[in-house]
Amino acid sequence: MDAFTTHRGKVALLDWSDVNTDLIIPARYLKRVERTGYGPLLFADKRYAPGGAPEPDAPERHGPLAGDFPLNRPEAEGATILVVGRNFGCGSSREHAVWAVQQAGYRALIAPGKGEGFADIFEGNSYNNGLLPIELPEADWRAIAEATRADSSLEATIDLEAGTIALHPSPGGVGPEFRFRVSEADRHRLLNGLDAIGETLQHDPVIGDYENRSPAWASSPGA
């Protein structure tokens, strides 16, 4: 997966709480066998006008967009950082939800509440796919949310190594900076572009050496 070190991008706001994975990617799309093509399916039942959501086998073909959905508004176009409400990604476990968020163009999510911003499984799937889920204290999150509402061109720079979010108000302004923390293990994997399998494969020489030195009976089915 792609490493995440520093990213600057436009900020969009979807400050809904308890957004579950069936809203992020409706269950009917889970029968797809591909790992690509999920971007147009993100929030399909809210994003499109009634009857306009894509069919599972043709995600690129859809009806008109719903005018009242926040991410369809002009100020959200081209955003790569999404400010979300508390408990984002709750509900059933589905990695497809993270794929849909990523393939719609988002590199990072910002939610309020330490330990409450994201559902555990969604958060784990995010780290394992290179999507950065950031939890901030309520006051810091609210400051970013209000800045996004006030400035339709707001950008932010997220520096994972430094653990900072810097806002860039338009035109060409310098805004406040906020600090965040992720676990050292998750930080290491994102900075180096490693999912759980890739991290394990870093130890392949040691694993192979152990297997070569182990007696045959230790690896036999009946052992």
C-alpha atoms as a PDB file:
ATOM      1  CA  MET A   1       0.000   0.000   0.000  1.00  0.00           C
ATOM      2  CA  ASP A   2       1.070   3.630  -0.398  1.00  0.00           C
ATOM      3  CA  ALA A   3       2.990   5.148   2.488  1.00  0.00           C
ATOM      4  CA  PHE A   4       1.488   8.094   4.347  1.00  0.00           C
ATOM      5  CA  THR A   5       4.040  10.682   5.445  1.00  0.00           C
ATOM      6  CA  THR A   6       2.766  14.202   4.711  1.00  0.00           C
ATOM      7  CA  HIS A   7      -0.391  15.117   2.842  1.00  0.00           C
ATOM      8  CA  ARG A   8      -1.866  18.484   1.928  1.00  0.00           C
ATOM      9  CA  GLY A   9      -5.385  18.615   0.587  1.00  0.00           C
ATOM     10  CA  LYS A  10      -8.775  20.258   0.615  1.00  0.00           C
ATOM     11  CA  VAL A  11     -11.017  19.607   3.614  1.00  0.00           C
ATOM     12  CA  ALA A  12     -14.671  18.522   3.473  1.00  0.00           C
ATOM     13  CA  LEU A  13     -17.154  18.129   6.310  1.00  0.00           C
ATOM     14  CA  LEU A  14     -19.653  15.332   7.016  1.00  0.00           C
ATOM     15  CA  ASP A  15     -20.360  15.857  10.704  1.00  0.00           C
ATOM     16  CA  TRP A  16     -22.882  13.046  11.105  1.00  0.00           C
ATOM     17  CA  SER A  17     -22.509  10.829  14.169  1.00  0.00           C
ATOM     18  CA  ASP A  18     -22.838   7.023  14.190  1.00  0.00           C
ATOM     19  CA  VAL A  19     -22.364   6.610  10.439  1.00  0.00           C
ATOM     20  CA  ASN A  20     -22.468   2.846   9.965  1.00  0.00           C
ATOM     21  CA  THR A  21     -20.730   0.778   7.336  1.00  0.00           C
ATOM     22  CA  ASP A  22     -23.982  -0.039   5.535  1.00  0.00           C
ATOM     23  CA  LEU A  23     -24.439   3.677   4.915  1.00  0.00           C
ATOM     24  CA  ILE A  24     -20.814   4.036   3.816  1.00  0.00           C
ATOM     25  CA  ILE A  25     -21.100   1.080   1.402  1.00  0.00           C
ATOM     26  CA  PRO A  26     -24.537  -0.592   1.146  1.00  0.00           C
ATOM     27  CA  ALA A  27     -24.568  -4.372   1.580  1.00  0.00           C
ATOM     28  CA  ARG A  28     -25.742  -5.080  -1.965  1.00  0.00           C
ATOM     29  CA  TYR A  29     -22.330  -3.973  -3.240  1.00  0.00           C
ATOM     30  CA  LEU A  30     -20.451  -6.538  -1.169  1.00  0.00           C
ATOM     31  CA  LYS A  31     -21.029  -9.249  -3.774  1.00  0.00           C
ATOM     32  CA  ARG A  32     -18.501  -7.530  -6.011  1.00  0.00           C
ATOM     33  CA  VAL A  33     -15.329  -9.632  -6.237  1.00  0.00           C
ATOM     34  CA  GLU A  34     -13.036  -6.780  -7.293  1.00  0.00           C
ATOM     35  CA  ARG A  35     -11.124  -4.555  -4.883  1.00  0.00           C
ATOM     36  CA  THR A  36     -11.497  -1.540  -7.171  1.00  0.00           C
ATOM     37  CA  GLY A  37     -14.401   0.543  -8.430  1.00  0.00           C
ATOM     38  CA  TYR A  38     -15.841   1.402  -5.016  1.00  0.00           C
ATOM     39  CA  GLY A  39     -15.389   5.182  -5.180  1.00  0.00           C
ATOM     40  CA  PRO A  40     -18.728   5.864  -6.939  1.00  0.00           C
ATOM     41  CA  LEU A  41     -20.457   3.552  -4.450  1.00  0.00           C
ATOM     42  CA  LEU A  42     -19.501   5.578  -1.365  1.00  0.00           C
ATOM     43  CA  PHE A  43     -22.713   6.677   0.416  1.00  0.00           C
ATOM     44  CA  ALA A  44     -24.640   5.459  -2.628  1.00  0.00           C
ATOM     45  CA  ASP A  45     -28.047   5.626  -0.912  1.00  0.00           C
ATOM     46  CA  LYS A  46     -27.466   9.260   0.114  1.00  0.00           C
ATOM     47  CA  ARG A  47     -25.219  10.487  -2.667  1.00  0.00           C
ATOM     48  CA  TYR A  48     -27.636   9.899  -5.552  1.00  0.00           C
ATOM     49  CA  ALA A  49     -31.211  10.968  -6.156  1.00  0.00           C
ATOM     50  CA  PRO A  50     -33.820   8.233  -5.499  1.00  0.00           C
ATOM     51  CA  GLY A  51     -33.378   5.419  -8.006  1.00  0.00           C
ATOM     52  CA  GLY A  52     -30.057   6.797  -9.243  1.00  0.00           C
ATOM     53  CA  ALA A  53     -27.584   4.646  -7.293  1.00  0.00           C
ATOM     54  CA  PRO A  54     -25.289   2.477  -9.460  1.00  0.00           C
ATOM     55  CA  GLU A  55     -25.851  -1.224  -9.971  1.00  0.00           C
ATOM     56  CA  PRO A  56     -23.188  -3.437  -8.328  1.00  0.00           C
ATOM     57  CA  ASP A  57     -21.753  -4.538 -11.677  1.00  0.00           C
ATOM     58  CA  ALA A  58     -21.644  -1.023 -13.177  1.00  0.00           C
ATOM     59  CA  PRO A  59     -20.426   1.446 -10.531  1.00  0.00           C
ATOM     60  CA  GLU A  60     -19.552   4.065 -13.123  1.00  0.00           C
ATOM     61  CA  ARG A  61     -23.166   4.298 -14.385  1.00  0.00           C
ATOM     62  CA  HIS A  62     -25.469   6.216 -12.089  1.00  0.00           C
ATOM     63  CA  GLY A  63     -28.281   8.732 -12.025  1.00  0.00           C
ATOM     64  CA  PRO A  64     -28.226  12.375 -10.893  1.00  0.00           C
ATOM     65  CA  LEU A  65     -26.660  13.364  -7.586  1.00  0.00           C
ATOM     66  CA  ALA A  66     -28.802  14.316  -4.600  1.00  0.00           C
ATOM     67  CA  GLY A  67     -28.520  18.055  -4.110  1.00  0.00           C
ATOM     68  CA  ASP A  68     -28.884  17.952  -0.325  1.00  0.00           C
ATOM     69  CA  PHE A  69     -26.027  15.527   0.409  1.00  0.00           C
ATOM     70  CA  PRO A  70     -23.102  17.452   1.971  1.00  0.00           C
ATOM     71  CA  LEU A  71     -20.367  15.792  -0.102  1.00  0.00           C
ATOM     72  CA  ASN A  72     -22.168  16.715  -3.339  1.00  0.00           C
ATOM     73  CA  ARG A  73     -21.873  20.437  -2.632  1.00  0.00           C
ATOM     74  CA  PRO A  74     -19.347  22.437  -4.698  1.00  0.00           C
ATOM     75  CA  GLU A  75     -17.212  23.211  -1.648  1.00  0.00           C
ATOM     76  CA  ALA A  76     -16.589  19.477  -1.108  1.00  0.00           C
ATOM     77  CA  GLU A  77     -15.416  18.819  -4.668  1.00  0.00           C
ATOM     78  CA  GLY A  78     -11.841  17.582  -4.825  1.00  0.00           C
ATOM     79  CA  ALA A  79     -11.490  17.146  -1.062  1.00  0.00           C
ATOM     80  CA  THR A  80      -8.990  14.565   0.182  1.00  0.00           C
ATOM     81  CA  ILE A  81      -9.407  15.112   3.937  1.00  0.00           C
ATOM     82  CA  LEU A  82     -12.813  14.356   5.459  1.00  0.00           C
ATOM     83  CA  VAL A  83     -13.975  15.655   8.842  1.00  0.00           C
ATOM     84  CA  VAL A  84     -16.529  13.197  10.223  1.00  0.00           C
ATOM     85  CA  GLY A  85     -18.674  12.817  13.334  1.00  0.00           C
ATOM     86  CA  ARG A  86     -18.234  10.551  16.318  1.00  0.00           C
ATOM     87  CA  ASN A  87     -18.338   6.734  15.959  1.00  0.00           C
ATOM     88  CA  PHE A  88     -17.714   6.715  12.219  1.00  0.00           C
ATOM     89  CA  GLY A  89     -17.684   3.239  10.655  1.00  0.00           C
ATOM     90  CA  CYS A  90     -19.818   1.492  13.261  1.00  0.00           C
ATOM     91  CA  GLY A  91     -21.998  -1.523  12.465  1.00  0.00           C
ATOM     92  CA  SER A  92     -20.990  -4.622  10.569  1.00  0.00           C
ATOM     93  CA  SER A  93     -17.395  -5.373   9.672  1.00  0.00           C
ATOM     94  CA  ARG A  94     -16.594  -4.760   6.010  1.00  0.00           C
ATOM     95  CA  GLU A  95     -13.251  -3.736   4.567  1.00  0.00           C
ATOM     96  CA  HIS A  96     -15.173  -2.460   1.543  1.00  0.00           C
ATOM     97  CA  ALA A  97     -16.128   0.632   3.596  1.00  0.00           C
ATOM     98  CA  VAL A  98     -12.492   1.703   3.795  1.00  0.00           C
ATOM     99  CA  TRP A  99     -11.950   0.907   0.113  1.00  0.00           C
ATOM    100  CA  ALA A 100     -14.917   3.118  -0.810  1.00  0.00           C
ATOM    101  CA  VAL A 101     -13.638   6.049   1.269  1.00  0.00           C
ATOM    102  CA  GLN A 102     -10.140   5.744  -0.197  1.00  0.00           C
ATOM    103  CA  GLN A 103     -11.253   5.250  -3.788  1.00  0.00           C
ATOM    104  CA  ALA A 104     -13.470   8.335  -3.527  1.00  0.00           C
ATOM    105  CA  GLY A 105     -10.204  10.251  -3.056  1.00  0.00           C
ATOM    106  CA  TYR A 106      -9.819  10.611   0.715  1.00  0.00           C
ATOM    107  CA  ARG A 107      -6.446  10.051   2.394  1.00  0.00           C
ATOM    108  CA  ALA A 108      -7.406  10.900   5.982  1.00  0.00           C
ATOM    109  CA  LEU A 109     -10.431  11.145   8.273  1.00  0.00           C
ATOM    110  CA  ILE A 110     -10.699  13.430  11.318  1.00  0.00           C
ATOM    111  CA  ALA A 111     -13.172  12.559  14.084  1.00  0.00           C
ATOM    112  CA  PRO A 112     -13.849  13.817  17.623  1.00  0.00           C
ATOM    113  CA  GLY A 113     -13.206  11.928  20.833  1.00  0.00           C
ATOM    114  CA  LYS A 114     -10.248   9.790  21.841  1.00  0.00           C
ATOM    115  CA  GLY A 115     -11.323   6.154  21.501  1.00  0.00           C
ATOM    116  CA  GLU A 116     -14.785   7.245  20.325  1.00  0.00           C
ATOM    117  CA  GLY A 117     -14.121   8.726  16.909  1.00  0.00           C
ATOM    118  CA  PHE A 118     -14.078   5.478  14.943  1.00  0.00           C
ATOM    119  CA  ALA A 119     -15.463   1.989  15.390  1.00  0.00           C
ATOM    120  CA  ASP A 120     -12.622  -0.384  16.272  1.00  0.00           C
ATOM    121  CA  ILE A 121     -12.812  -2.661  13.236  1.00  0.00           C
ATOM    122  CA  PHE A 122     -13.174   0.236  10.806  1.00  0.00           C
ATOM    123  CA  GLU A 123     -10.179   1.926  12.406  1.00  0.00           C
ATOM    124  CA  GLY A 124      -8.092  -1.241  12.105  1.00  0.00           C
ATOM    125  CA  ASN A 125      -9.103  -1.704   8.470  1.00  0.00           C
ATOM    126  CA  SER A 126      -8.156   1.921   7.788  1.00  0.00           C
ATOM    127  CA  TYR A 127      -4.630   1.498   9.112  1.00  0.00           C
ATOM    128  CA  ASN A 128      -4.245  -1.762   7.207  1.00  0.00           C
ATOM    129  CA  ASN A 129      -5.162  -0.055   3.923  1.00  0.00           C
ATOM    130  CA  GLY A 130      -3.233   3.201   4.265  1.00  0.00           C
ATOM    131  CA  LEU A 131      -6.146   5.439   5.272  1.00  0.00           C
ATOM    132  CA  LEU A 132      -5.236   7.639   8.262  1.00  0.00           C
ATOM    133  CA  PRO A 133      -7.974   7.892  10.940  1.00  0.00           C
ATOM    134  CA  ILE A 134      -7.256  10.817  13.291  1.00  0.00           C
ATOM    135  CA  GLU A 135      -9.030  11.349  16.604  1.00  0.00           C
ATOM    136  CA  LEU A 136      -8.887  14.815  18.161  1.00  0.00           C
ATOM    137  CA  PRO A 137     -10.143  16.357  21.402  1.00  0.00           C
ATOM    138  CA  GLU A 138     -13.637  17.757  20.951  1.00  0.00           C
ATOM    139  CA  ALA A 139     -12.504  21.395  21.016  1.00  0.00           C
ATOM    140  CA  ASP A 140      -9.827  20.851  18.347  1.00  0.00           C
ATOM    141  CA  TRP A 141     -12.201  18.877  16.140  1.00  0.00           C
ATOM    142  CA  ARG A 142     -14.857  21.562  16.466  1.00  0.00           C
ATOM    143  CA  ALA A 143     -12.352  24.273  15.502  1.00  0.00           C
ATOM    144  CA  ILE A 144     -11.503  22.400  12.296  1.00  0.00           C
ATOM    145  CA  ALA A 145     -15.172  21.699  11.546  1.00  0.00           C
ATOM    146  CA  GLU A 146     -16.099  25.370  11.990  1.00  0.00           C
ATOM    147  CA  ALA A 147     -13.147  26.478   9.863  1.00  0.00           C
ATOM    148  CA  THR A 148     -14.324  24.109   7.114  1.00  0.00           C
ATOM    149  CA  ARG A 149     -17.839  25.541   7.249  1.00  0.00           C
ATOM    150  CA  ALA A 150     -16.533  29.090   7.096  1.00  0.00           C
ATOM    151  CA  ASP A 151     -14.023  28.593   4.263  1.00  0.00           C
ATOM    152  CA  SER A 152     -15.112  26.627   1.201  1.00  0.00           C
ATOM    153  CA  SER A 153     -11.499  26.415   0.002  1.00  0.00           C
ATOM    154  CA  LEU A 154      -9.899  25.385   3.296  1.00  0.00           C
ATOM    155  CA  GLU A 155      -6.877  23.112   2.981  1.00  0.00           C
ATOM    156  CA  ALA A 156      -4.867  21.300   5.624  1.00  0.00           C
ATOM    157  CA  THR A 157      -1.469  19.671   5.832  1.00  0.00           C
ATOM    158  CA  ILE A 158      -1.269  16.458   7.838  1.00  0.00           C
ATOM    159  CA  ASP A 159       2.224  15.492   8.930  1.00  0.00           C
ATOM    160  CA  LEU A 160       2.159  11.979  10.345  1.00  0.00           C
ATOM    161  CA  GLU A 161       5.788  11.995  11.431  1.00  0.00           C
ATOM    162  CA  ALA A 162       5.327  15.208  13.429  1.00  0.00           C
ATOM    163  CA  GLY A 163       1.753  14.361  14.454  1.00  0.00           C
ATOM    164  CA  THR A 164       0.333  17.722  13.352  1.00  0.00           C
ATOM    165  CA  ILE A 165      -2.554  19.137  11.325  1.00  0.00           C
ATOM    166  CA  ALA A 166      -1.978  22.664   9.983  1.00  0.00           C
ATOM    167  CA  LEU A 167      -4.858  24.615   8.443  1.00  0.00           C
ATOM    168  CA  HIS A 168      -4.404  26.826   5.374  1.00  0.00           C
ATOM    169  CA  PRO A 169      -7.263  29.310   5.070  1.00  0.00           C
ATOM    170  CA  SER A 170      -7.768  30.936   1.694  1.00  0.00           C
ATOM    171  CA  PRO A 171      -6.353  32.959   0.142  1.00  0.00           C
ATOM    172  CA  GLY A 172      -2.857  31.931   1.138  1.00  0.00           C
ATOM    173  CA  GLY A 173      -3.358  32.306   4.867  1.00  0.00           C
ATOM    174  CA  VAL A 174      -1.752  30.481   7.752  1.00  0.00           C
ATOM    175  CA  GLY A 175      -4.118  29.007  10.292  1.00  0.00           C
ATOM    176  CA  PRO A 176      -3.805  27.156  13.575  1.00  0.00           C
ATOM    177  CA  GLU A 177      -1.999  23.858  14.098  1.00  0.00           C
ATOM    178  CA  PHE A 178      -3.374  20.863  15.986  1.00  0.00           C
ATOM    179  CA  ARG A 179      -1.538  17.877  17.405  1.00  0.00           C
ATOM    180  CA  PHE A 180      -2.646  14.234  17.224  1.00  0.00           C
ATOM    181  CA  ARG A 181      -1.253  10.869  18.205  1.00  0.00           C
ATOM    182  CA  VAL A 182      -1.552   7.360  16.813  1.00  0.00           C
ATOM    183  CA  SER A 183       0.019   4.219  18.228  1.00  0.00           C
ATOM    184  CA  GLU A 184       3.676   3.717  17.383  1.00  0.00           C
ATOM    185  CA  ALA A 185       2.892   0.432  15.618  1.00  0.00           C
ATOM    186  CA  ASP A 186       0.252   2.008  13.358  1.00  0.00           C
ATOM    187  CA  ARG A 187       2.444   5.052  12.751  1.00  0.00           C
ATOM    188  CA  HIS A 188       5.374   2.846  11.694  1.00  0.00           C
ATOM    189  CA  ARG A 189       3.258   0.839   9.282  1.00  0.00           C
ATOM    190  CA  LEU A 190       1.705   3.903   7.634  1.00  0.00           C
ATOM    191  CA  LEU A 191       5.009   5.756   7.307  1.00  0.00           C
ATOM    192  CA  ASN A 192       6.537   2.714   5.621  1.00  0.00           C
ATOM    193  CA  GLY A 193       3.536   1.670   3.522  1.00  0.00           C
ATOM    194  CA  LEU A 194       3.148  -1.669   5.293  1.00  0.00           C
ATOM    195  CA  ASP A 195      -0.040  -3.599   5.913  1.00  0.00           C
ATOM    196  CA  ALA A 196      -0.050  -6.426   8.472  1.00  0.00           C
ATOM    197  CA  ILE A 197       1.196  -8.949   5.900  1.00  0.00           C
ATOM    198  CA  GLY A 198       3.915  -6.641   4.651  1.00  0.00           C
ATOM    199  CA  GLU A 199       5.099  -6.044   8.193  1.00  0.00           C
ATOM    200  CA  THR A 200       5.293  -9.787   8.799  1.00  0.00           C
ATOM    201  CA  LEU A 201       7.242 -10.315   5.573  1.00  0.00           C
ATOM    202  CA  GLN A 202       9.939  -7.988   6.881  1.00  0.00           C
ATOM    203  CA  HIS A 203      10.861 -10.894   9.153  1.00  0.00           C
ATOM    204  CA  ASP A 204      10.846 -13.448   6.329  1.00  0.00           C
ATOM    205  CA  PRO A 205      14.575 -14.329   6.675  1.00  0.00           C
ATOM    206  CA  VAL A 206      14.157 -15.045  10.390  1.00  0.00           C
ATOM    207  CA  ILE A 207      10.976 -17.045   9.803  1.00  0.00           C
ATOM    208  CA  GLY A 208      12.657 -19.038   7.038  1.00  0.00           C
ATOM    209  CA  ASP A 209      15.697 -19.712   9.199  1.00  0.00           C
ATOM    210  CA  TYR A 210      13.479 -20.976  12.017  1.00  0.00           C
ATOM    211  CA  GLU A 211      11.578 -23.257   9.650  1.00  0.00           C
ATOM    212  CA  ASN A 212      14.811 -24.634   8.210  1.00  0.00           C
ATOM    213  CA  ARG A 213      16.163 -25.415  11.673  1.00  0.00           C
ATOM    214  CA  SER A 214      12.954 -26.991  12.972  1.00  0.00           C
ATOM    215  CA  PRO A 215      12.761 -30.810  12.940  1.00  0.00           C
ATOM    216  CA  ALA A 216      10.451 -32.307  10.342  1.00  0.00           C
ATOM    217  CA  TRP A 217       8.114 -33.758  12.982  1.00  0.00           C
ATOM    218  CA  ALA A 218       7.382 -30.228  14.330  1.00  0.00           C
ATOM    219  CA  SER A 219       5.683 -29.183  11.086  1.00  0.00           C
ATOM    220  CA  SER A 220       3.958 -32.476  10.231  1.00  0.00           C
ATOM    221  CA  PRO A 221       0.123 -32.588  10.353  1.00  0.00           C
ATOM    222  CA  GLY A 222       0.116 -35.167  13.098  1.00  0.00           C
ATOM    223  CA  ALA A 223       2.584 -33.355  15.348  1.00  0.00           C
END
